[in-house]
Amino acid sequence: MKYVLPILLATAMPAMAQSPELEQACRSVLQNFLMKPDVKLGQAQSFPELQPPGARISFSERADTDASKMDDVIDCEFQNAKPPYGLTKFCISSTCYSEGERADDRRRRFEEMRALMTRK
């Protein structure tokens, strides 16, 4: 019985995408925020079962970056796991943007991303 855990750990597969739709919504936020249609994406994780639902994606603005070397991450939170998603917050690296943000420029950028999300 003591050998079961190492065997399970050795054969465990990486987590599969929980919600490709949530991940795509987060990609849209990233591309609109950076104003770049071609952003190199790395690993993606999504959490439709959590409250609030969300997604996290590693990325690079450089096309030649290997996915294992990507240090930048976008983290998105939504009202719903299904459309309409209702963006409530997003963070790029350590900077977060939301409706309740105290800094006027961060709150403005959040409102811009939310407006762009409702146009699609």
Protein backbone atom coordinates (compact mmCIF):
# COMPACT_ATOMS: atom_id res chain seq x y z
CA MET A 1 0.00 0.00 0.00
CA LYS A 2 2.88 2.39 0.67
CA TYR A 3 3.89 2.20 -3.02
CA VAL A 4 0.55 3.39 -4.39
CA LEU A 5 1.22 7.14 -3.97
CA PRO A 6 4.58 7.18 -5.80
CA ILE A 7 3.08 5.15 -8.65
CA LEU A 8 0.13 7.52 -8.89
CA LEU A 9 2.42 10.55 -8.85
CA ALA A 10 4.64 9.03 -11.53
CA THR A 11 1.68 8.34 -13.83
CA ALA A 12 -0.33 11.50 -13.13
CA MET A 13 -1.12 13.52 -16.22
CA PRO A 14 -1.10 17.34 -16.32
CA ALA A 15 -4.50 18.88 -15.68
CA MET A 16 -6.56 19.23 -18.82
CA ALA A 17 -8.38 22.44 -19.64
CA GLN A 18 -11.53 22.66 -17.59
CA SER A 19 -13.19 25.30 -19.74
CA PRO A 20 -11.76 26.27 -23.12
CA GLU A 21 -14.44 28.97 -23.31
CA LEU A 22 -13.26 30.68 -20.09
CA GLU A 23 -9.68 30.45 -21.31
CA GLN A 24 -10.66 32.05 -24.62
CA ALA A 25 -12.43 34.88 -22.77
CA CYS A 26 -9.26 35.48 -20.75
CA ARG A 27 -7.15 35.39 -23.96
CA SER A 28 -9.42 38.09 -25.39
CA VAL A 29 -8.82 40.27 -22.33
CA LEU A 30 -5.06 39.79 -22.73
CA GLN A 31 -4.99 40.56 -26.45
CA ASN A 32 -7.19 43.63 -26.02
CA PHE A 33 -5.20 44.87 -23.02
CA LEU A 34 -1.85 44.51 -24.80
CA MET A 35 -3.40 45.66 -28.10
CA LYS A 36 -1.62 42.79 -29.86
CA PRO A 37 -3.50 40.12 -31.79
CA ASP A 38 -0.55 37.71 -31.70
CA VAL A 39 0.59 36.96 -28.18
CA LYS A 40 2.53 33.76 -27.53
CA LEU A 41 0.51 31.69 -25.06
CA GLY A 42 1.82 29.04 -22.71
CA GLN A 43 0.01 26.97 -20.11
CA ALA A 44 -3.65 27.61 -19.37
CA GLN A 45 -5.75 26.66 -16.36
CA SER A 46 -9.43 27.32 -15.87
CA PHE A 47 -11.75 26.96 -12.93
CA PRO A 48 -15.44 27.02 -13.92
CA GLU A 49 -16.42 25.28 -10.69
CA LEU A 50 -15.02 28.00 -8.39
CA GLN A 51 -16.71 31.20 -7.29
CA PRO A 52 -15.86 33.40 -9.02
CA PRO A 53 -15.02 31.27 -12.06
CA GLY A 54 -11.74 32.14 -13.70
CA ALA A 55 -8.79 31.31 -15.90
CA ARG A 56 -5.02 31.79 -15.74
CA ILE A 57 -2.68 31.77 -18.74
CA SER A 58 1.08 32.22 -19.06
CA PHE A 59 2.19 34.34 -22.00
CA SER A 60 5.00 36.20 -23.68
CA GLU A 61 4.98 39.19 -25.99
CA ARG A 62 7.95 37.66 -27.80
CA ALA A 63 7.11 35.03 -30.42
CA ASP A 64 10.36 33.09 -29.88
CA THR A 65 9.81 32.39 -26.17
CA ASP A 66 9.55 28.75 -25.14
CA ALA A 67 6.40 28.01 -23.09
CA SER A 68 8.51 26.70 -20.21
CA LYS A 69 10.29 30.08 -19.95
CA MET A 70 7.16 32.27 -19.79
CA ASP A 71 7.03 34.27 -16.57
CA ASP A 72 4.15 36.61 -17.38
CA VAL A 73 0.67 35.47 -16.34
CA ILE A 74 -2.83 36.85 -16.81
CA ASP A 75 -5.43 35.85 -14.25
CA CYS A 76 -9.10 36.56 -15.05
CA GLU A 77 -12.22 36.36 -12.88
CA PHE A 78 -15.76 36.34 -14.22
CA GLN A 79 -19.32 36.47 -12.88
CA ASN A 80 -20.36 33.37 -14.82
CA ALA A 81 -18.67 30.25 -16.19
CA LYS A 82 -20.86 30.48 -19.34
CA PRO A 83 -21.67 33.43 -21.63
CA PRO A 84 -22.19 36.19 -20.84
CA TYR A 85 -19.10 35.84 -18.66
CA GLY A 86 -19.13 39.27 -17.03
CA LEU A 87 -15.51 40.22 -16.40
CA THR A 88 -15.07 41.18 -12.72
CA LYS A 89 -11.29 41.38 -12.35
CA PHE A 90 -8.06 40.65 -14.17
CA CYS A 91 -4.43 40.73 -13.12
CA ILE A 92 -1.39 40.85 -15.36
CA SER A 93 1.67 39.78 -13.43
CA SER A 94 1.26 41.59 -10.09
CA THR A 95 -0.99 44.45 -11.26
CA CYS A 96 -4.75 43.99 -10.90
CA TYR A 97 -7.63 45.82 -12.54
CA SER A 98 -11.21 45.83 -11.29
CA GLU A 99 -14.31 47.96 -10.84
CA GLY A 100 -13.44 48.65 -7.20
CA GLU A 101 -9.86 49.66 -7.91
CA ARG A 102 -8.76 52.82 -6.10
CA ALA A 103 -6.35 53.97 -8.82
CA ASP A 104 -8.32 55.81 -11.50
CA ASP A 105 -6.16 54.58 -14.39
CA ARG A 106 -6.49 50.90 -13.36
CA ARG A 107 -10.24 51.26 -12.90
CA ARG A 108 -10.45 52.92 -16.33
CA ARG A 109 -8.49 50.10 -18.00
CA PHE A 110 -10.82 47.57 -16.36
CA GLU A 111 -13.88 49.41 -17.68
CA GLU A 112 -12.32 49.46 -21.15
CA MET A 113 -11.75 45.68 -21.11
CA ARG A 114 -15.25 45.03 -19.79
CA ALA A 115 -16.72 47.24 -22.55
CA LEU A 116 -14.72 45.36 -25.21
CA MET A 117 -15.91 42.02 -23.80
CA THR A 118 -19.56 43.02 -24.09
CA ARG A 119 -19.12 44.11 -27.73
CA LYS A 120 -18.22 40.62 -28.94
